[in-house]
Amino acid sequence: MEIASRRALVLGGGGVAGIAWMTGLLLGLSEEGVNLRAACDTLIGTSAGSTVAAQIAGDTPLDDLFRRQVDPARQVAELTPEPHLLELVGNVLPVLFKLADPIERTRRIGDLAANTTTVPETVRREVIAARLPVHVWPNRDLKIVAVDIATGESRIFDRLSGIDMVDAVAASCAVPGMWPPVSIGDSRYMDGGIRSSDNVDLAAGCTIVIVLSPFGAEGISRSGNPGLPAQVAVLQQGGARVRIVEPDGSARKAIGHNPLSPDTRLPSAEAGRAQGRAIATDIADLINLHLL
């Protein structure tokens, strides 16, 4: 008996620039006849990728989502990180990621998230809510990743979790030291990227996995944590066909050195759109889609 193919689309972390790049990429692919939102059974979103996954899980047209990235009149009023917080995160997180003990590492990062004064949680939630055209969970397999700041345990939110989707996305996007942790029930959660930039391993069981990774194969260095290539290797050993799509040269230039800057949205979205068009044939071959 032939096992039915299951396709997963994994969307990784990468700031507002990453949101724009992935949105543009998906539009560029669709303009060439490759509709990944329809072709993939499972959507897995981490941090910036949780925003895009939640957006495309609904029915909002891709060209409309794209215009929300490039049209100043329709762009969300994103918060600009305070310079001292950018410096703090840039200096402290790389050091914490190198701690060999994963429990100690996550605890220390959780302390950073809990004890850094940023914007009020309600203010940040309003931004996340504005990003999402629809605030209810779709009737499909959408997984959003966050991390408990107290225990370091991962939490995978979905439509069966009983958690508001805006809260789930806000939790997955809560960069420790940059944005406030998100309160859900008796716990507080931080960015799902603390577990992994992309969390590709959550696609286990799928036969075809496409990874949109703004940080790329190198990702963020965490001592003792399997990176993207190692996670992909495990899936491949299980028989999955995996394709990592990371920003090309033009997209990297558009994203720049501060992917959290709202100014990166327009160039990143346009670069992603061009890249999507360029790789459409390769992606179509991977998912056995015959282009006209």
C-alpha atoms as a PDB file:
ATOM      1  CA  MET A   1       0.000   0.000   0.000  1.00  0.00           C
ATOM      2  CA  GLU A   2       1.448   3.376  -1.008  1.00  0.00           C
ATOM      3  CA  ILE A   3       1.735   5.906   1.812  1.00  0.00           C
ATOM      4  CA  ALA A   4       0.113   9.253   0.976  1.00  0.00           C
ATOM      5  CA  SER A   5       2.553  12.128   0.637  1.00  0.00           C
ATOM      6  CA  ARG A   6       2.426  14.767   3.350  1.00  0.00           C
ATOM      7  CA  ARG A   7       4.065  18.090   2.656  1.00  0.00           C
ATOM      8  CA  ALA A   8       5.243  20.535   5.290  1.00  0.00           C
ATOM      9  CA  LEU A   9       6.108  24.184   4.864  1.00  0.00           C
ATOM     10  CA  VAL A  10       8.450  25.345   7.640  1.00  0.00           C
ATOM     11  CA  LEU A  11       8.812  29.098   8.160  1.00  0.00           C
ATOM     12  CA  GLY A  12      11.688  30.268  10.337  1.00  0.00           C
ATOM     13  CA  GLY A  13      12.645  33.299  12.398  1.00  0.00           C
ATOM     14  CA  GLY A  14      14.023  36.483  10.911  1.00  0.00           C
ATOM     15  CA  GLY A  15      12.400  39.675  12.209  1.00  0.00           C
ATOM     16  CA  VAL A  16      10.156  41.962  10.212  1.00  0.00           C
ATOM     17  CA  ALA A  17      12.573  41.631   7.294  1.00  0.00           C
ATOM     18  CA  GLY A  18      12.081  37.877   7.407  1.00  0.00           C
ATOM     19  CA  ILE A  19       8.300  38.294   7.357  1.00  0.00           C
ATOM     20  CA  ALA A  20       8.577  40.511   4.291  1.00  0.00           C
ATOM     21  CA  TRP A  21      11.047  38.225   2.502  1.00  0.00           C
ATOM     22  CA  MET A  22       8.967  35.072   3.074  1.00  0.00           C
ATOM     23  CA  THR A  23       5.778  36.850   2.006  1.00  0.00           C
ATOM     24  CA  GLY A  24       7.430  38.086  -1.178  1.00  0.00           C
ATOM     25  CA  LEU A  25       8.924  34.660  -1.864  1.00  0.00           C
ATOM     26  CA  LEU A  26       5.554  32.941  -1.540  1.00  0.00           C
ATOM     27  CA  LEU A  27       3.958  35.492  -3.860  1.00  0.00           C
ATOM     28  CA  GLY A  28       6.739  35.122  -6.440  1.00  0.00           C
ATOM     29  CA  LEU A  29       6.326  31.344  -6.394  1.00  0.00           C
ATOM     30  CA  SER A  30       2.555  31.608  -6.790  1.00  0.00           C
ATOM     31  CA  GLU A  31       2.934  33.985  -9.728  1.00  0.00           C
ATOM     32  CA  GLU A  32       4.840  31.193 -11.460  1.00  0.00           C
ATOM     33  CA  GLY A  33       2.199  28.605 -10.611  1.00  0.00           C
ATOM     34  CA  VAL A  34       3.602  27.210  -7.342  1.00  0.00           C
ATOM     35  CA  ASN A  35       1.043  27.708  -4.576  1.00  0.00           C
ATOM     36  CA  LEU A  36       2.754  26.365  -1.443  1.00  0.00           C
ATOM     37  CA  ARG A  37      -0.039  27.430   0.902  1.00  0.00           C
ATOM     38  CA  ALA A  38      -2.349  25.046  -0.941  1.00  0.00           C
ATOM     39  CA  ALA A  39       0.224  22.340  -1.689  1.00  0.00           C
ATOM     40  CA  CYS A  40       1.395  21.831   1.915  1.00  0.00           C
ATOM     41  CA  ASP A  41      -0.633  19.976   4.516  1.00  0.00           C
ATOM     42  CA  THR A  42       1.312  21.227   7.527  1.00  0.00           C
ATOM     43  CA  LEU A  43       2.522  24.744   8.360  1.00  0.00           C
ATOM     44  CA  ILE A  44       5.157  25.183  11.083  1.00  0.00           C
ATOM     45  CA  GLY A  45       5.969  28.735  12.154  1.00  0.00           C
ATOM     46  CA  THR A  46       8.663  30.068  14.452  1.00  0.00           C
ATOM     47  CA  SER A  47       8.985  33.736  15.463  1.00  0.00           C
ATOM     48  CA  ALA A  48       8.667  35.754  12.233  1.00  0.00           C
ATOM     49  CA  GLY A  49       7.611  32.532  10.559  1.00  0.00           C
ATOM     50  CA  SER A  50       4.695  32.174  12.962  1.00  0.00           C
ATOM     51  CA  THR A  51       3.295  35.443  11.610  1.00  0.00           C
ATOM     52  CA  VAL A  52       3.589  34.308   8.001  1.00  0.00           C
ATOM     53  CA  ALA A  53       2.263  30.825   8.769  1.00  0.00           C
ATOM     54  CA  ALA A  54      -0.789  32.286  10.507  1.00  0.00           C
ATOM     55  CA  GLN A  55      -1.345  34.723   7.638  1.00  0.00           C
ATOM     56  CA  ILE A  56      -1.193  32.154   4.846  1.00  0.00           C
ATOM     57  CA  ALA A  57      -3.188  29.561   6.777  1.00  0.00           C
ATOM     58  CA  GLY A  58      -6.235  31.740   6.145  1.00  0.00           C
ATOM     59  CA  ASP A  59      -7.823  32.925   2.920  1.00  0.00           C
ATOM     60  CA  THR A  60      -6.227  36.373   2.552  1.00  0.00           C
ATOM     61  CA  PRO A  61      -4.760  36.576  -0.981  1.00  0.00           C
ATOM     62  CA  LEU A  62      -0.975  36.572  -1.176  1.00  0.00           C
ATOM     63  CA  ASP A  63      -0.903  39.754  -3.229  1.00  0.00           C
ATOM     64  CA  ASP A  64      -2.857  41.468  -0.454  1.00  0.00           C
ATOM     65  CA  LEU A  65      -0.397  40.217   2.171  1.00  0.00           C
ATOM     66  CA  PHE A  66       2.422  41.446  -0.052  1.00  0.00           C
ATOM     67  CA  ARG A  67       0.888  44.918  -0.341  1.00  0.00           C
ATOM     68  CA  ARG A  68       0.728  45.040   3.466  1.00  0.00           C
ATOM     69  CA  GLN A  69       4.523  44.793   3.366  1.00  0.00           C
ATOM     70  CA  VAL A  70       5.339  47.277   0.593  1.00  0.00           C
ATOM     71  CA  ASP A  71       2.570  49.903   0.654  1.00  0.00           C
ATOM     72  CA  PRO A  72       3.258  52.503   3.371  1.00  0.00           C
ATOM     73  CA  ALA A  73      -0.464  53.203   3.638  1.00  0.00           C
ATOM     74  CA  ARG A  74      -1.134  49.567   4.543  1.00  0.00           C
ATOM     75  CA  GLN A  75       1.934  48.642   6.550  1.00  0.00           C
ATOM     76  CA  VAL A  76       1.468  47.719  10.191  1.00  0.00           C
ATOM     77  CA  ALA A  77       2.826  50.336  12.586  1.00  0.00           C
ATOM     78  CA  GLU A  78       5.683  48.128  13.765  1.00  0.00           C
ATOM     79  CA  LEU A  79       7.593  49.102  16.887  1.00  0.00           C
ATOM     80  CA  THR A  80      11.203  50.155  16.394  1.00  0.00           C
ATOM     81  CA  PRO A  81      13.477  48.468  18.947  1.00  0.00           C
ATOM     82  CA  GLU A  82      15.238  50.816  21.350  1.00  0.00           C
ATOM     83  CA  PRO A  83      18.963  51.126  20.496  1.00  0.00           C
ATOM     84  CA  HIS A  84      20.043  50.061  23.982  1.00  0.00           C
ATOM     85  CA  LEU A  85      17.921  46.911  23.707  1.00  0.00           C
ATOM     86  CA  LEU A  86      19.417  46.092  20.321  1.00  0.00           C
ATOM     87  CA  GLU A  87      22.848  46.441  21.865  1.00  0.00           C
ATOM     88  CA  LEU A  88      21.854  44.339  24.883  1.00  0.00           C
ATOM     89  CA  VAL A  89      20.448  41.519  22.793  1.00  0.00           C
ATOM     90  CA  GLY A  90      23.327  41.681  20.338  1.00  0.00           C
ATOM     91  CA  ASN A  91      25.881  41.383  23.134  1.00  0.00           C
ATOM     92  CA  VAL A  92      24.178  39.028  25.573  1.00  0.00           C
ATOM     93  CA  LEU A  93      22.259  36.456  23.520  1.00  0.00           C
ATOM     94  CA  PRO A  94      25.305  35.189  21.569  1.00  0.00           C
ATOM     95  CA  VAL A  95      27.095  34.594  24.883  1.00  0.00           C
ATOM     96  CA  LEU A  96      24.130  32.776  26.409  1.00  0.00           C
ATOM     97  CA  PHE A  97      23.683  30.630  23.307  1.00  0.00           C
ATOM     98  CA  LYS A  98      27.205  29.295  23.809  1.00  0.00           C
ATOM     99  CA  LEU A  99      26.460  27.902  27.281  1.00  0.00           C
ATOM    100  CA  ALA A 100      26.952  24.151  27.055  1.00  0.00           C
ATOM    101  CA  ASP A 101      24.246  23.165  29.554  1.00  0.00           C
ATOM    102  CA  PRO A 102      20.902  23.502  27.695  1.00  0.00           C
ATOM    103  CA  ILE A 103      18.919  23.844  30.923  1.00  0.00           C
ATOM    104  CA  GLU A 104      21.170  26.604  32.248  1.00  0.00           C
ATOM    105  CA  ARG A 105      21.215  28.278  28.834  1.00  0.00           C
ATOM    106  CA  THR A 106      17.453  28.432  28.523  1.00  0.00           C
ATOM    107  CA  ARG A 107      17.033  29.498  32.171  1.00  0.00           C
ATOM    108  CA  ARG A 108      19.435  32.392  31.698  1.00  0.00           C
ATOM    109  CA  ILE A 109      17.702  33.462  28.500  1.00  0.00           C
ATOM    110  CA  GLY A 110      14.372  33.235  30.324  1.00  0.00           C
ATOM    111  CA  ASP A 111      15.770  35.487  33.048  1.00  0.00           C
ATOM    112  CA  LEU A 112      16.786  37.990  30.366  1.00  0.00           C
ATOM    113  CA  ALA A 113      13.267  37.915  28.960  1.00  0.00           C
ATOM    114  CA  ALA A 114      11.628  38.316  32.358  1.00  0.00           C
ATOM    115  CA  ASN A 115      13.873  41.046  33.755  1.00  0.00           C
ATOM    116  CA  THR A 116      14.410  43.398  30.821  1.00  0.00           C
ATOM    117  CA  THR A 117      12.126  46.417  30.699  1.00  0.00           C
ATOM    118  CA  THR A 118      10.630  46.755  27.227  1.00  0.00           C
ATOM    119  CA  VAL A 119       7.255  47.950  25.943  1.00  0.00           C
ATOM    120  CA  PRO A 120       4.103  46.836  27.805  1.00  0.00           C
ATOM    121  CA  GLU A 121       2.843  43.417  26.793  1.00  0.00           C
ATOM    122  CA  THR A 122      -0.492  44.897  25.677  1.00  0.00           C
ATOM    123  CA  VAL A 123       1.235  47.335  23.318  1.00  0.00           C
ATOM    124  CA  ARG A 124       3.252  44.568  21.684  1.00  0.00           C
ATOM    125  CA  ARG A 125       0.138  42.390  21.353  1.00  0.00           C
ATOM    126  CA  GLU A 126      -1.615  45.153  19.427  1.00  0.00           C
ATOM    127  CA  VAL A 127       1.174  45.062  16.841  1.00  0.00           C
ATOM    128  CA  ILE A 128       0.885  41.288  16.451  1.00  0.00           C
ATOM    129  CA  ALA A 129      -2.898  41.517  16.156  1.00  0.00           C
ATOM    130  CA  ALA A 130      -2.545  44.140  13.422  1.00  0.00           C
ATOM    131  CA  ARG A 131      -0.241  41.821  11.464  1.00  0.00           C
ATOM    132  CA  LEU A 132      -2.890  39.108  11.239  1.00  0.00           C
ATOM    133  CA  PRO A 133      -5.867  39.687   8.925  1.00  0.00           C
ATOM    134  CA  VAL A 134      -7.733  36.882  10.735  1.00  0.00           C
ATOM    135  CA  HIS A 135      -7.498  36.141  14.464  1.00  0.00           C
ATOM    136  CA  VAL A 136      -9.089  32.705  14.615  1.00  0.00           C
ATOM    137  CA  TRP A 137      -7.317  29.403  14.113  1.00  0.00           C
ATOM    138  CA  PRO A 138      -7.817  27.934  10.639  1.00  0.00           C
ATOM    139  CA  ASN A 139      -9.144  24.430  10.200  1.00  0.00           C
ATOM    140  CA  ARG A 140      -5.787  23.055   9.130  1.00  0.00           C
ATOM    141  CA  ASP A 141      -2.532  21.782  10.606  1.00  0.00           C
ATOM    142  CA  LEU A 142      -0.807  24.963  11.795  1.00  0.00           C
ATOM    143  CA  LYS A 143       1.878  24.679  14.472  1.00  0.00           C
ATOM    144  CA  ILE A 144       3.348  27.711  16.271  1.00  0.00           C
ATOM    145  CA  VAL A 145       6.398  27.316  18.506  1.00  0.00           C
ATOM    146  CA  ALA A 146       7.178  29.168  21.753  1.00  0.00           C
ATOM    147  CA  VAL A 147       9.288  28.508  24.868  1.00  0.00           C
ATOM    148  CA  ASP A 148       8.276  28.755  28.540  1.00  0.00           C
ATOM    149  CA  ILE A 149      10.624  31.294  30.185  1.00  0.00           C
ATOM    150  CA  ALA A 150      10.517  29.537  33.568  1.00  0.00           C
ATOM    151  CA  THR A 151      10.926  25.894  32.575  1.00  0.00           C
ATOM    152  CA  GLY A 152      12.626  26.211  29.190  1.00  0.00           C
ATOM    153  CA  GLU A 153      10.130  23.727  27.796  1.00  0.00           C
ATOM    154  CA  SER A 154       8.856  24.135  24.262  1.00  0.00           C
ATOM    155  CA  ARG A 155       5.165  24.643  23.626  1.00  0.00           C
ATOM    156  CA  ILE A 156       3.610  23.868  20.276  1.00  0.00           C
ATOM    157  CA  PHE A 157       0.375  25.807  19.881  1.00  0.00           C
ATOM    158  CA  ASP A 158      -2.316  24.716  17.427  1.00  0.00           C
ATOM    159  CA  ARG A 159      -6.067  25.031  16.969  1.00  0.00           C
ATOM    160  CA  LEU A 160      -6.654  22.350  19.605  1.00  0.00           C
ATOM    161  CA  SER A 161      -4.615  24.136  22.295  1.00  0.00           C
ATOM    162  CA  GLY A 162      -7.458  26.331  23.463  1.00  0.00           C
ATOM    163  CA  ILE A 163      -5.166  29.366  23.160  1.00  0.00           C
ATOM    164  CA  ASP A 164      -5.953  32.567  21.273  1.00  0.00           C
ATOM    165  CA  MET A 165      -4.010  32.558  17.989  1.00  0.00           C
ATOM    166  CA  VAL A 166      -2.847  36.164  18.446  1.00  0.00           C
ATOM    167  CA  ASP A 167      -1.365  35.216  21.814  1.00  0.00           C
ATOM    168  CA  ALA A 168       0.346  32.182  20.284  1.00  0.00           C
ATOM    169  CA  VAL A 169       1.943  34.257  17.522  1.00  0.00           C
ATOM    170  CA  ALA A 170       2.905  36.995  19.980  1.00  0.00           C
ATOM    171  CA  ALA A 171       4.601  34.394  22.183  1.00  0.00           C
ATOM    172  CA  SER A 172       6.522  32.919  19.267  1.00  0.00           C
ATOM    173  CA  CYS A 173       7.708  36.421  18.279  1.00  0.00           C
ATOM    174  CA  ALA A 174       8.755  37.555  21.784  1.00  0.00           C
ATOM    175  CA  VAL A 175      12.500  38.028  21.307  1.00  0.00           C
ATOM    176  CA  PRO A 176      13.979  37.875  24.846  1.00  0.00           C
ATOM    177  CA  GLY A 177      15.414  41.211  25.912  1.00  0.00           C
ATOM    178  CA  MET A 178      13.711  42.941  23.003  1.00  0.00           C
ATOM    179  CA  TRP A 179       9.995  42.331  23.492  1.00  0.00           C
ATOM    180  CA  PRO A 180       8.067  41.280  26.612  1.00  0.00           C
ATOM    181  CA  PRO A 181       7.254  37.630  27.307  1.00  0.00           C
ATOM    182  CA  VAL A 182       3.636  36.726  26.619  1.00  0.00           C
ATOM    183  CA  SER A 183       1.355  35.632  29.455  1.00  0.00           C
ATOM    184  CA  ILE A 184      -0.776  32.600  28.622  1.00  0.00           C
ATOM    185  CA  GLY A 185      -2.546  30.974  31.540  1.00  0.00           C
ATOM    186  CA  ASP A 186      -0.115  30.661  34.435  1.00  0.00           C
ATOM    187  CA  SER A 187       2.973  30.736  32.212  1.00  0.00           C
ATOM    188  CA  ARG A 188       4.961  33.306  30.267  1.00  0.00           C
ATOM    189  CA  TYR A 189       6.455  32.513  26.906  1.00  0.00           C
ATOM    190  CA  MET A 190       9.302  33.775  24.750  1.00  0.00           C
ATOM    191  CA  ASP A 191      10.424  33.403  21.171  1.00  0.00           C
ATOM    192  CA  GLY A 192      10.221  29.930  19.648  1.00  0.00           C
ATOM    193  CA  GLY A 193      13.593  30.601  18.055  1.00  0.00           C
ATOM    194  CA  ILE A 194      15.204  29.920  21.431  1.00  0.00           C
ATOM    195  CA  ARG A 195      14.474  26.256  20.758  1.00  0.00           C
ATOM    196  CA  SER A 196      15.602  26.426  17.134  1.00  0.00           C
ATOM    197  CA  SER A 197      15.604  29.114  14.439  1.00  0.00           C
ATOM    198  CA  ASP A 198      13.368  26.970  12.239  1.00  0.00           C
ATOM    199  CA  ASN A 199      12.254  23.906  14.273  1.00  0.00           C
ATOM    200  CA  VAL A 200      12.434  21.710  11.202  1.00  0.00           C
ATOM    201  CA  ASP A 201      12.412  18.569  13.337  1.00  0.00           C
ATOM    202  CA  LEU A 202       8.702  19.166  13.997  1.00  0.00           C
ATOM    203  CA  ALA A 203       8.063  18.146  10.384  1.00  0.00           C
ATOM    204  CA  ALA A 204       8.951  14.532  11.228  1.00  0.00           C
ATOM    205  CA  GLY A 205       6.592  12.174   9.431  1.00  0.00           C
ATOM    206  CA  CYS A 206       6.191  14.394   6.384  1.00  0.00           C
ATOM    207  CA  THR A 207       7.545  13.117   3.077  1.00  0.00           C
ATOM    208  CA  ILE A 208       8.323  16.510   1.545  1.00  0.00           C
ATOM    209  CA  VAL A 209       9.572  19.442   3.624  1.00  0.00           C
ATOM    210  CA  ILE A 210      10.205  22.942   2.310  1.00  0.00           C
ATOM    211  CA  VAL A 211      12.023  25.284   4.697  1.00  0.00           C
ATOM    212  CA  LEU A 212      11.938  29.061   4.269  1.00  0.00           C
ATOM    213  CA  SER A 213      14.802  30.126   6.510  1.00  0.00           C
ATOM    214  CA  PRO A 214      15.660  33.851   6.727  1.00  0.00           C
ATOM    215  CA  PHE A 215      18.732  33.021   8.839  1.00  0.00           C
ATOM    216  CA  GLY A 216      19.763  30.253   6.461  1.00  0.00           C
ATOM    217  CA  ALA A 217      21.561  27.005   7.104  1.00  0.00           C
ATOM    218  CA  GLU A 218      23.998  28.604   9.567  1.00  0.00           C
ATOM    219  CA  GLY A 219      21.150  29.870  11.730  1.00  0.00           C
ATOM    220  CA  ILE A 220      21.926  31.107  15.224  1.00  0.00           C
ATOM    221  CA  SER A 221      24.734  29.282  16.979  1.00  0.00           C
ATOM    222  CA  ARG A 222      23.629  27.393  20.106  1.00  0.00           C
ATOM    223  CA  SER A 223      26.114  25.180  21.891  1.00  0.00           C
ATOM    224  CA  GLY A 224      24.914  21.579  21.946  1.00  0.00           C
ATOM    225  CA  ASN A 225      21.756  22.226  19.924  1.00  0.00           C
ATOM    226  CA  PRO A 226      21.351  20.511  16.560  1.00  0.00           C
ATOM    227  CA  GLY A 227      21.319  23.189  13.882  1.00  0.00           C
ATOM    228  CA  LEU A 228      19.276  23.275  10.712  1.00  0.00           C
ATOM    229  CA  PRO A 229      21.560  20.961   8.656  1.00  0.00           C
ATOM    230  CA  ALA A 230      21.552  18.342  11.437  1.00  0.00           C
ATOM    231  CA  GLN A 231      17.767  18.475  11.778  1.00  0.00           C
ATOM    232  CA  VAL A 232      17.394  18.182   8.015  1.00  0.00           C
ATOM    233  CA  ALA A 233      19.741  15.179   7.958  1.00  0.00           C
ATOM    234  CA  VAL A 234      17.510  13.350  10.445  1.00  0.00           C
ATOM    235  CA  LEU A 235      14.434  13.979   8.293  1.00  0.00           C
ATOM    236  CA  GLN A 236      16.299  12.782   5.211  1.00  0.00           C
ATOM    237  CA  GLN A 237      17.386   9.622   6.989  1.00  0.00           C
ATOM    238  CA  GLY A 238      13.694   9.006   7.590  1.00  0.00           C
ATOM    239  CA  GLY A 239      13.018   9.248   3.874  1.00  0.00           C
ATOM    240  CA  ALA A 240      11.870  12.866   3.584  1.00  0.00           C
ATOM    241  CA  ARG A 241      12.839  15.076   0.673  1.00  0.00           C
ATOM    242  CA  VAL A 242      13.895  18.442   2.100  1.00  0.00           C
ATOM    243  CA  ARG A 243      14.646  21.761   0.425  1.00  0.00           C
ATOM    244  CA  ILE A 244      16.056  24.713   2.364  1.00  0.00           C
ATOM    245  CA  VAL A 245      15.361  28.103   0.811  1.00  0.00           C
ATOM    246  CA  GLU A 246      17.431  30.892   2.301  1.00  0.00           C
ATOM    247  CA  PRO A 247      17.857  34.493   1.116  1.00  0.00           C
ATOM    248  CA  ASP A 248      19.914  34.873  -2.031  1.00  0.00           C
ATOM    249  CA  GLY A 249      22.492  37.645  -2.436  1.00  0.00           C
ATOM    250  CA  SER A 250      19.962  40.332  -3.301  1.00  0.00           C
ATOM    251  CA  ALA A 251      17.694  39.352  -0.440  1.00  0.00           C
ATOM    252  CA  ARG A 252      20.549  39.323   2.083  1.00  0.00           C
ATOM    253  CA  LYS A 253      21.479  42.815   1.002  1.00  0.00           C
ATOM    254  CA  ALA A 254      17.855  43.945   1.382  1.00  0.00           C
ATOM    255  CA  ILE A 255      17.530  42.375   4.835  1.00  0.00           C
ATOM    256  CA  GLY A 256      20.758  44.009   5.979  1.00  0.00           C
ATOM    257  CA  HIS A 257      22.266  43.863   9.446  1.00  0.00           C
ATOM    258  CA  ASN A 258      19.123  44.700  11.421  1.00  0.00           C
ATOM    259  CA  PRO A 259      16.193  42.504  10.356  1.00  0.00           C
ATOM    260  CA  LEU A 260      14.100  44.045  13.149  1.00  0.00           C
ATOM    261  CA  SER A 261      14.037  47.429  11.421  1.00  0.00           C
ATOM    262  CA  PRO A 262      10.678  48.237   9.790  1.00  0.00           C
ATOM    263  CA  ASP A 263      12.592  49.986   6.976  1.00  0.00           C
ATOM    264  CA  THR A 264      13.681  46.593   5.655  1.00  0.00           C
ATOM    265  CA  ARG A 265      10.172  45.512   4.702  1.00  0.00           C
ATOM    266  CA  LEU A 266       9.820  46.936   1.204  1.00  0.00           C
ATOM    267  CA  PRO A 267      13.242  45.890  -0.180  1.00  0.00           C
ATOM    268  CA  SER A 268      13.063  42.482   1.519  1.00  0.00           C
ATOM    269  CA  ALA A 269       9.592  41.748   0.135  1.00  0.00           C
ATOM    270  CA  GLU A 270      10.595  42.754  -3.378  1.00  0.00           C
ATOM    271  CA  ALA A 271      13.802  40.697  -3.202  1.00  0.00           C
ATOM    272  CA  GLY A 272      11.816  37.706  -1.949  1.00  0.00           C
ATOM    273  CA  ARG A 273       9.318  38.041  -4.792  1.00  0.00           C
ATOM    274  CA  ALA A 274      12.092  38.021  -7.389  1.00  0.00           C
ATOM    275  CA  GLN A 275      13.758  35.038  -5.714  1.00  0.00           C
ATOM    276  CA  GLY A 276      10.482  33.126  -5.613  1.00  0.00           C
ATOM    277  CA  ARG A 277       9.992  33.553  -9.328  1.00  0.00           C
ATOM    278  CA  ALA A 278      13.566  32.413  -9.967  1.00  0.00           C
ATOM    279  CA  ILE A 279      13.289  29.153  -7.998  1.00  0.00           C
ATOM    280  CA  ALA A 280       9.720  28.216  -8.937  1.00  0.00           C
ATOM    281  CA  THR A 281      10.674  25.432 -11.334  1.00  0.00           C
ATOM    282  CA  ASP A 282      12.922  23.750  -8.762  1.00  0.00           C
ATOM    283  CA  ILE A 283      10.229  23.875  -6.080  1.00  0.00           C
ATOM    284  CA  ALA A 284       7.611  22.607  -8.521  1.00  0.00           C
ATOM    285  CA  ASP A 285       9.830  19.621  -9.329  1.00  0.00           C
ATOM    286  CA  LEU A 286      10.250  18.865  -5.630  1.00  0.00           C
ATOM    287  CA  ILE A 287       6.523  18.735  -4.946  1.00  0.00           C
ATOM    288  CA  ASN A 288       5.728  17.114  -8.292  1.00  0.00           C
ATOM    289  CA  LEU A 289       3.723  20.071  -9.532  1.00  0.00           C
ATOM    290  CA  HIS A 290       3.507  20.399 -13.308  1.00  0.00           C
ATOM    291  CA  LEU A 291       3.720  24.040 -14.386  1.00  0.00           C
ATOM    292  CA  LEU A 292       1.919  25.228 -17.502  1.00  0.00           C
END
